């Protein structure tokens, strides 16, 4: 979901098309995002299956996503539709002021 600077995790859906439709319809209307950590990104993000321990992921199991190097606040919300489709969305919001501790 590049338009929303988000990573979407599949929770449940009966089809790919229904999943994409539910996320596109729901992401703009999320009222409450859980605030997560601030992370500093200096290179591409490595995305892999949530069921796979990251330390065991081989290069053929990674999706590398280019993103602007900066600090981001991670915010998370779940999207559920009346069709039983559910997604977890991790939004990356650029942080303009961060402490030197990060």
N, C-alpha and C. Protein backbone atom coordinates (compact mmCIF):
# COMPACT_ATOMS: atom_id res chain seq x y z
N UNK A 1 0.85 -1.18 0.00
CA UNK A 1 0.00 0.00 0.00
C UNK A 1 0.89 1.24 0.00
N UNK A 2 1.55 1.43 -1.10
CA UNK A 2 2.50 2.52 -1.25
C UNK A 2 1.87 3.89 -1.01
N UNK A 3 0.62 4.09 -1.45
CA UNK A 3 -0.05 5.38 -1.26
C UNK A 3 -0.17 5.75 0.21
N UNK A 4 -0.21 4.75 1.07
CA UNK A 4 -0.39 4.98 2.50
C UNK A 4 0.88 4.72 3.29
N UNK A 5 2.00 4.45 2.61
CA UNK A 5 3.27 4.13 3.25
C UNK A 5 3.04 3.06 4.32
N UNK A 6 2.45 1.96 3.89
CA UNK A 6 2.04 0.91 4.82
C UNK A 6 2.47 -0.47 4.36
N UNK A 7 2.63 -1.34 5.32
CA UNK A 7 2.86 -2.76 5.08
C UNK A 7 1.61 -3.47 5.57
N UNK A 8 1.04 -4.30 4.72
CA UNK A 8 -0.22 -4.97 5.05
C UNK A 8 0.03 -6.46 5.27
N UNK A 9 -0.46 -6.95 6.39
CA UNK A 9 -0.31 -8.37 6.74
C UNK A 9 -1.65 -9.08 6.57
N UNK A 10 -1.65 -10.15 5.82
CA UNK A 10 -2.85 -10.96 5.59
C UNK A 10 -3.18 -11.71 6.86
N UNK A 11 -4.39 -11.53 7.38
CA UNK A 11 -4.86 -12.30 8.53
C UNK A 11 -5.83 -13.38 8.04
N UNK A 12 -6.87 -12.96 7.30
CA UNK A 12 -7.80 -13.93 6.73
C UNK A 12 -8.56 -13.31 5.56
N UNK A 13 -8.87 -14.16 4.59
CA UNK A 13 -9.69 -13.75 3.45
C UNK A 13 -9.94 -14.98 2.59
N UNK A 14 -11.06 -14.96 1.89
CA UNK A 14 -11.38 -16.09 1.02
C UNK A 14 -10.70 -15.98 -0.34
N UNK A 15 -10.17 -14.78 -0.66
CA UNK A 15 -9.49 -14.62 -1.95
C UNK A 15 -8.57 -13.40 -1.93
N UNK A 16 -7.60 -13.40 -2.85
CA UNK A 16 -6.71 -12.25 -3.00
C UNK A 16 -7.49 -10.99 -3.32
N UNK A 17 -8.43 -11.10 -4.26
CA UNK A 17 -9.20 -9.94 -4.71
C UNK A 17 -10.01 -9.35 -3.57
N UNK A 18 -10.64 -10.20 -2.78
CA UNK A 18 -11.45 -9.72 -1.66
C UNK A 18 -10.56 -9.05 -0.61
N UNK A 19 -9.37 -9.60 -0.38
CA UNK A 19 -8.43 -9.02 0.58
C UNK A 19 -8.02 -7.61 0.15
N UNK A 20 -7.58 -7.47 -1.09
CA UNK A 20 -7.15 -6.16 -1.60
C UNK A 20 -8.30 -5.16 -1.55
N UNK A 21 -9.49 -5.58 -1.93
CA UNK A 21 -10.66 -4.70 -1.90
C UNK A 21 -10.95 -4.23 -0.47
N UNK A 22 -10.93 -5.14 0.49
CA UNK A 22 -11.23 -4.78 1.88
C UNK A 22 -10.20 -3.79 2.43
N UNK A 23 -8.93 -4.00 2.11
CA UNK A 23 -7.89 -3.10 2.59
C UNK A 23 -8.04 -1.73 1.95
N UNK A 24 -8.23 -1.68 0.64
CA UNK A 24 -8.39 -0.39 -0.04
C UNK A 24 -9.60 0.38 0.47
N UNK A 25 -10.69 -0.32 0.74
CA UNK A 25 -11.89 0.35 1.25
C UNK A 25 -11.74 0.77 2.71
N UNK A 26 -10.98 0.02 3.49
CA UNK A 26 -10.92 0.28 4.92
C UNK A 26 -9.78 1.15 5.42
N UNK A 27 -8.68 1.21 4.69
CA UNK A 27 -7.48 1.86 5.23
C UNK A 27 -7.68 3.36 5.45
N UNK A 28 -8.44 4.00 4.60
CA UNK A 28 -8.65 5.44 4.74
C UNK A 28 -9.59 5.82 5.86
N UNK A 29 -10.33 4.84 6.38
CA UNK A 29 -11.32 5.16 7.41
C UNK A 29 -10.95 4.61 8.79
N UNK A 30 -9.71 4.20 8.98
CA UNK A 30 -9.28 3.72 10.30
C UNK A 30 -9.27 4.91 11.25
N UNK A 31 -10.00 4.79 12.36
CA UNK A 31 -10.09 5.88 13.33
C UNK A 31 -8.98 5.83 14.38
N UNK A 32 -8.56 4.64 14.74
CA UNK A 32 -7.61 4.51 15.84
C UNK A 32 -6.43 3.63 15.43
N UNK A 33 -5.24 4.20 15.52
CA UNK A 33 -4.00 3.47 15.24
C UNK A 33 -3.26 3.26 16.56
N UNK A 34 -2.78 2.05 16.80
CA UNK A 34 -1.94 1.78 17.97
C UNK A 34 -0.55 2.31 17.68
N UNK A 35 -0.03 3.10 18.61
CA UNK A 35 1.28 3.71 18.41
C UNK A 35 2.38 2.73 18.79
N UNK A 36 3.29 2.51 17.86
CA UNK A 36 4.40 1.60 18.08
C UNK A 36 5.71 2.35 18.20
N UNK A 37 6.80 1.66 17.98
CA UNK A 37 8.13 2.25 18.17
C UNK A 37 8.51 3.21 17.05
N UNK A 38 9.55 3.97 17.32
CA UNK A 38 10.19 4.77 16.27
C UNK A 38 11.36 3.93 15.77
N UNK A 39 11.44 3.78 14.46
CA UNK A 39 12.54 3.01 13.86
C UNK A 39 13.28 3.89 12.86
N UNK A 40 14.58 3.72 12.81
CA UNK A 40 15.39 4.44 11.82
C UNK A 40 15.68 3.49 10.67
N UNK A 41 15.38 3.95 9.47
CA UNK A 41 15.58 3.15 8.27
C UNK A 41 16.74 3.74 7.48
N UNK A 42 17.75 2.92 7.20
CA UNK A 42 18.92 3.38 6.45
C UNK A 42 19.09 2.65 5.12
N UNK A 43 18.18 1.75 4.81
CA UNK A 43 18.26 0.98 3.57
C UNK A 43 16.93 0.32 3.32
N UNK A 44 16.88 -0.61 2.40
CA UNK A 44 15.60 -1.25 2.08
C UNK A 44 15.08 -2.06 3.27
N UNK A 45 13.74 -2.12 3.37
CA UNK A 45 13.10 -2.97 4.37
C UNK A 45 13.09 -4.40 3.85
N UNK A 46 13.36 -5.35 4.70
CA UNK A 46 13.29 -6.77 4.34
C UNK A 46 12.00 -7.33 4.94
N UNK A 47 11.07 -7.71 4.08
CA UNK A 47 9.79 -8.24 4.52
C UNK A 47 9.77 -9.74 4.26
N UNK A 48 9.26 -10.50 5.24
CA UNK A 48 9.21 -11.95 5.10
C UNK A 48 7.96 -12.47 5.79
N UNK A 49 7.62 -13.72 5.56
CA UNK A 49 6.45 -14.37 6.13
C UNK A 49 6.52 -14.31 7.65
N UNK A 50 5.43 -13.89 8.28
CA UNK A 50 5.40 -13.75 9.74
C UNK A 50 5.58 -15.09 10.46
N UNK A 51 5.34 -16.20 9.79
CA UNK A 51 5.51 -17.51 10.41
C UNK A 51 6.96 -17.98 10.39
N UNK A 52 7.82 -17.23 9.72
CA UNK A 52 9.22 -17.61 9.58
C UNK A 52 10.09 -16.76 10.51
N UNK A 53 10.90 -17.39 11.36
CA UNK A 53 11.82 -16.60 12.19
C UNK A 53 12.76 -15.80 11.28
N UNK A 54 12.86 -14.51 11.51
CA UNK A 54 13.66 -13.64 10.64
C UNK A 54 15.09 -14.05 10.49
N UNK A 55 15.66 -14.61 11.54
CA UNK A 55 17.06 -15.04 11.46
C UNK A 55 17.24 -16.25 10.56
N UNK A 56 16.14 -16.93 10.23
CA UNK A 56 16.21 -18.11 9.37
C UNK A 56 15.80 -17.81 7.93
N UNK A 57 15.42 -16.57 7.64
CA UNK A 57 14.96 -16.22 6.29
C UNK A 57 16.13 -16.16 5.33
N UNK A 58 16.04 -16.92 4.25
CA UNK A 58 17.05 -16.86 3.20
C UNK A 58 16.74 -15.71 2.25
N UNK A 59 17.70 -15.33 1.45
CA UNK A 59 17.50 -14.19 0.54
C UNK A 59 16.35 -14.43 -0.43
N UNK A 60 16.08 -15.69 -0.78
CA UNK A 60 14.97 -15.98 -1.69
C UNK A 60 13.62 -15.89 -1.00
N UNK A 61 13.60 -15.73 0.33
CA UNK A 61 12.36 -15.61 1.09
C UNK A 61 12.09 -14.17 1.53
N UNK A 62 12.91 -13.23 1.07
CA UNK A 62 12.76 -11.83 1.46
C UNK A 62 12.24 -11.00 0.30
N UNK A 63 11.39 -10.05 0.63
CA UNK A 63 10.97 -9.03 -0.32
C UNK A 63 11.62 -7.73 0.16
N UNK A 64 12.51 -7.17 -0.65
CA UNK A 64 13.19 -5.92 -0.27
C UNK A 64 12.41 -4.75 -0.83
N UNK A 65 12.06 -3.80 0.05
CA UNK A 65 11.26 -2.65 -0.32
C UNK A 65 12.08 -1.39 -0.07
N UNK A 66 12.28 -0.62 -1.13
CA UNK A 66 13.01 0.65 -1.00
C UNK A 66 12.11 1.68 -0.33
N UNK A 67 12.66 2.39 0.63
CA UNK A 67 11.93 3.43 1.35
C UNK A 67 12.91 4.53 1.70
N UNK A 68 12.43 5.75 1.78
CA UNK A 68 13.30 6.88 2.08
C UNK A 68 14.00 6.69 3.42
N UNK A 69 15.32 6.83 3.46
CA UNK A 69 16.04 6.70 4.73
C UNK A 69 15.69 7.85 5.67
N UNK A 70 15.08 7.53 6.79
CA UNK A 70 14.71 8.50 7.82
C UNK A 70 14.20 7.72 9.03
N UNK A 71 13.68 8.42 10.01
CA UNK A 71 13.05 7.78 11.17
C UNK A 71 11.54 7.74 10.94
N UNK A 72 10.92 6.64 11.34
CA UNK A 72 9.48 6.46 11.18
C UNK A 72 8.86 6.02 12.49
N UNK A 73 7.67 6.53 12.77
CA UNK A 73 6.84 6.01 13.86
C UNK A 73 5.98 4.91 13.23
N UNK A 74 6.01 3.72 13.80
CA UNK A 74 5.18 2.62 13.31
C UNK A 74 3.84 2.70 14.04
N UNK A 75 2.77 2.71 13.28
CA UNK A 75 1.42 2.69 13.84
C UNK A 75 0.68 1.50 13.22
N UNK A 76 -0.12 0.82 14.03
CA UNK A 76 -0.75 -0.42 13.58
C UNK A 76 -2.25 -0.38 13.83
N UNK A 77 -3.01 -0.93 12.88
CA UNK A 77 -4.46 -1.06 13.03
C UNK A 77 -4.91 -2.32 12.31
N UNK A 78 -6.02 -2.88 12.76
CA UNK A 78 -6.63 -4.01 12.07
C UNK A 78 -7.82 -3.52 11.26
N UNK A 79 -7.98 -4.09 10.08
CA UNK A 79 -9.12 -3.79 9.22
C UNK A 79 -9.90 -5.08 9.07
N UNK A 80 -11.21 -5.01 9.36
CA UNK A 80 -12.07 -6.18 9.20
C UNK A 80 -13.27 -5.79 8.36
N UNK A 81 -13.66 -6.69 7.46
CA UNK A 81 -14.83 -6.42 6.63
C UNK A 81 -15.95 -7.38 7.03
N UNK A 82 -17.14 -7.11 6.52
CA UNK A 82 -18.27 -7.97 6.83
C UNK A 82 -18.21 -9.30 6.07
N UNK A 83 -17.21 -9.47 5.21
CA UNK A 83 -17.05 -10.72 4.45
C UNK A 83 -16.08 -11.68 5.14
N UNK A 84 -15.62 -11.34 6.35
CA UNK A 84 -14.69 -12.19 7.06
C UNK A 84 -13.24 -11.93 6.72
N UNK A 85 -13.00 -10.89 5.94
CA UNK A 85 -11.63 -10.53 5.58
C UNK A 85 -11.03 -9.68 6.69
N UNK A 86 -9.78 -9.99 7.04
CA UNK A 86 -9.11 -9.23 8.10
C UNK A 86 -7.66 -9.01 7.70
N UNK A 87 -7.18 -7.79 7.94
CA UNK A 87 -5.80 -7.42 7.63
C UNK A 87 -5.23 -6.61 8.78
N UNK A 88 -3.94 -6.73 9.00
CA UNK A 88 -3.23 -5.88 9.95
C UNK A 88 -2.37 -4.94 9.12
N UNK A 89 -2.53 -3.64 9.39
CA UNK A 89 -1.81 -2.62 8.62
C UNK A 89 -0.80 -1.94 9.53
N UNK A 90 0.45 -1.89 9.07
CA UNK A 90 1.53 -1.21 9.79
C UNK A 90 1.88 0.03 8.97
N UNK A 91 1.50 1.19 9.48
CA UNK A 91 1.74 2.46 8.78
C UNK A 91 3.05 3.06 9.26
N UNK A 92 3.84 3.58 8.32
CA UNK A 92 5.13 4.20 8.64
C UNK A 92 5.01 5.70 8.45
N UNK A 93 4.96 6.44 9.56
CA UNK A 93 4.84 7.89 9.53
C UNK A 93 6.20 8.52 9.79
N UNK A 94 6.71 9.34 8.86
CA UNK A 94 8.00 9.99 9.08
C UNK A 94 7.97 10.83 10.36
N UNK A 95 9.06 10.79 11.10
CA UNK A 95 9.19 11.56 12.34
C UNK A 95 10.14 12.71 12.05
N UNK A 96 9.69 13.92 12.35
CA UNK A 96 10.53 15.09 12.07
C UNK A 96 11.49 15.41 13.20
N UNK A 97 11.09 15.11 14.44
CA UNK A 97 11.96 15.39 15.58
C UNK A 97 12.11 14.12 16.40
N UNK A 98 13.34 13.66 16.54
CA UNK A 98 13.59 12.48 17.36
C UNK A 98 14.75 12.77 18.29
N UNK A 99 14.80 12.02 19.37
CA UNK A 99 15.89 12.23 20.33
C UNK A 99 17.17 11.60 19.80
N UNK A 100 18.27 12.01 20.34
CA UNK A 100 19.57 11.47 19.93
C UNK A 100 19.73 10.02 20.36
N UNK A 101 18.82 9.53 21.21
CA UNK A 101 18.92 8.16 21.71
C UNK A 101 18.59 7.12 20.64
N UNK A 102 17.97 7.54 19.58
CA UNK A 102 17.56 6.58 18.54
C UNK A 102 18.66 6.41 17.53
